[in-house]
Amino acid sequence: MNLAVVVLAAGEGTRMKSSCPKVLHCICGQPILQYVMTEIEKLSPKETVVVVGHQAEKVTPILNKKVKVTIQDEQRGTAHAVMMAESSLQDYNGTIMVTCGDTPLIRQETLSKLFQLHQNKKAVATLLSAILSDPTGYGRIIRKANGTVERIVEEKDASEKEKRVAEINSGIYCFEKEELFSAIKKINCENAQKEFYLTDVIEILNKQNKKVAVSVVEDSTEISGVNSRKELAQAQTLMQSRINDKLMEEGTTLIAPELTFIGPDVVIGRDTIVYPFSFLEGKTRIGKECCLGPSVHLIDVVIGDKVQIENVVAEDCVIEDEVNLGPFSRLRPGTRVKKGAKIGSYVEVKKSEVGEKSKIPHLSYIGDAVIGKNVNVGAGTITCNYDGVKKYQTIIEDDAFIGSDTMLVAPVKIGKNATVGAGSAISADVPKDSLALERTEQRIIKDWSKKKRHKKDKGKQY
């Protein structure tokens, strides 16, 4: 395509009542602006310019390095914003698509259709419109008797008759470069908001007898802008439904889609079941025939096939095939759980490797550890990995058995086939095939409880 795209993302978004720029508010875990940029990238434009303004230093870092950024220091309207992009496009000649940074539901297919219609009609300007049952808040498309576009009127400047028009302006256009910037220079700010409206370009071009076309979007939700917290929530609902529908079409079972929250970059294999109240975010990758949930929260986790997970929080981890996790366990960044292993109830694992078919069934903390194959870690076991200054590693080799309520004071190594007795505090290496015990000698004080009761009966404190 001989196409350049200008994205308007300079607005403050005062109705959001937020210190965060409007376009950086998230939907399904991803900034609003990122959705727009993803769809634009699919068009493969020759140039992409993003006009930023309010808190530009926060917005710019999320953009692709190939994108040109221009600053609108003072927000003086959409036409003024487009003018800020002119210098970035001085070496480009052709069609310029102007779109908004706050329309996360727009699709590449709709943008392509707009561009193709613009080309086929040989228009100098083509706008994207929609028919709404309630057009409140949008500029209205005013057509001539023959059906062609005459002008666009902003709601604050519209008459009562014009406000009853159902066809609205989306704020997305295609223009021929020369005619666009020539017309912008003729715009004034004699309107209710004292701003330079890009919509005035349409009326100017009409007066010059230049051809203006309209592409009507099939799904009006695509052009929904996000200007308030309520609209943010509405966009979240629509985007989540779109994501979930696609996953179900590809072979994922969602028990309650309306109660399942999945990010746009999450990949799930066929025949995996996701139960309600699960949150799958970031670059999470899930294999085939898994069962997730209820109440699973995964961020940037890679999961193999036939994995069972219930009530688990995990981030930046790798879970291999046939692993069983939970309920009520937490896997912190840097953890790898190998094939067939089990992490049970109330277990926290941090930056550790758990070997094939090893088990940590319950009530344990495993940090900075390497655990071999077929290891059994008893209830209440912890690795004491931090001395207040530095963290140290614990190594447990294949087929070792760690008794309940054991403290492994790192750095320490438990050899292959070794056994650690319950209640031990192990601070020295245990050779393979050995038994390690660390307990004080058990003492029996006879009649201790009887003497305690006797003193209590006399009213004395014990």
Foldseek 3Di string as FASTA:
>chain_A
DLEEEEEEQADQLVQAVDPDRQQQDDFLFGGLLVLVVVLVVVVVYPAYEYEYERPVVVVVVVDDPRHHYFYDPDPFEDLVSVVRCCVVCVVGFWKYKYYYSFQNLAHNVLVVVQVVVCVVVVAQKEFEKEFDPQPPQFWAFDADPVGHTQFTGGPQQDDPVRNPHRIGTLRIMMHGVVLQVVLSVVFFQPGPVSHGYSRVSRNVCVVVVTGYHYDYDPDVSSSDGDSYVVSSVVVSQVVLVVQVVVLVVQAEAEPDSSQEREHPQEAEEHCEYEYGLERHEDNEYYEHNEYYEDNEYEECEYEEYHEYEYCEYEYQEYEYAQEYEEDDEYEYHLEYEDAQEYEYYDEYEYNEYAEHNEYDHEQEYHYQEYEYAPEYAEHQEYEQQDPPPGGAYEYEYACEYEYHNEYEYPPEYEEANEYEYHNADHDYYHYHPYYHYHDDDDDDDPCPVVVVVVCVVVVDDD
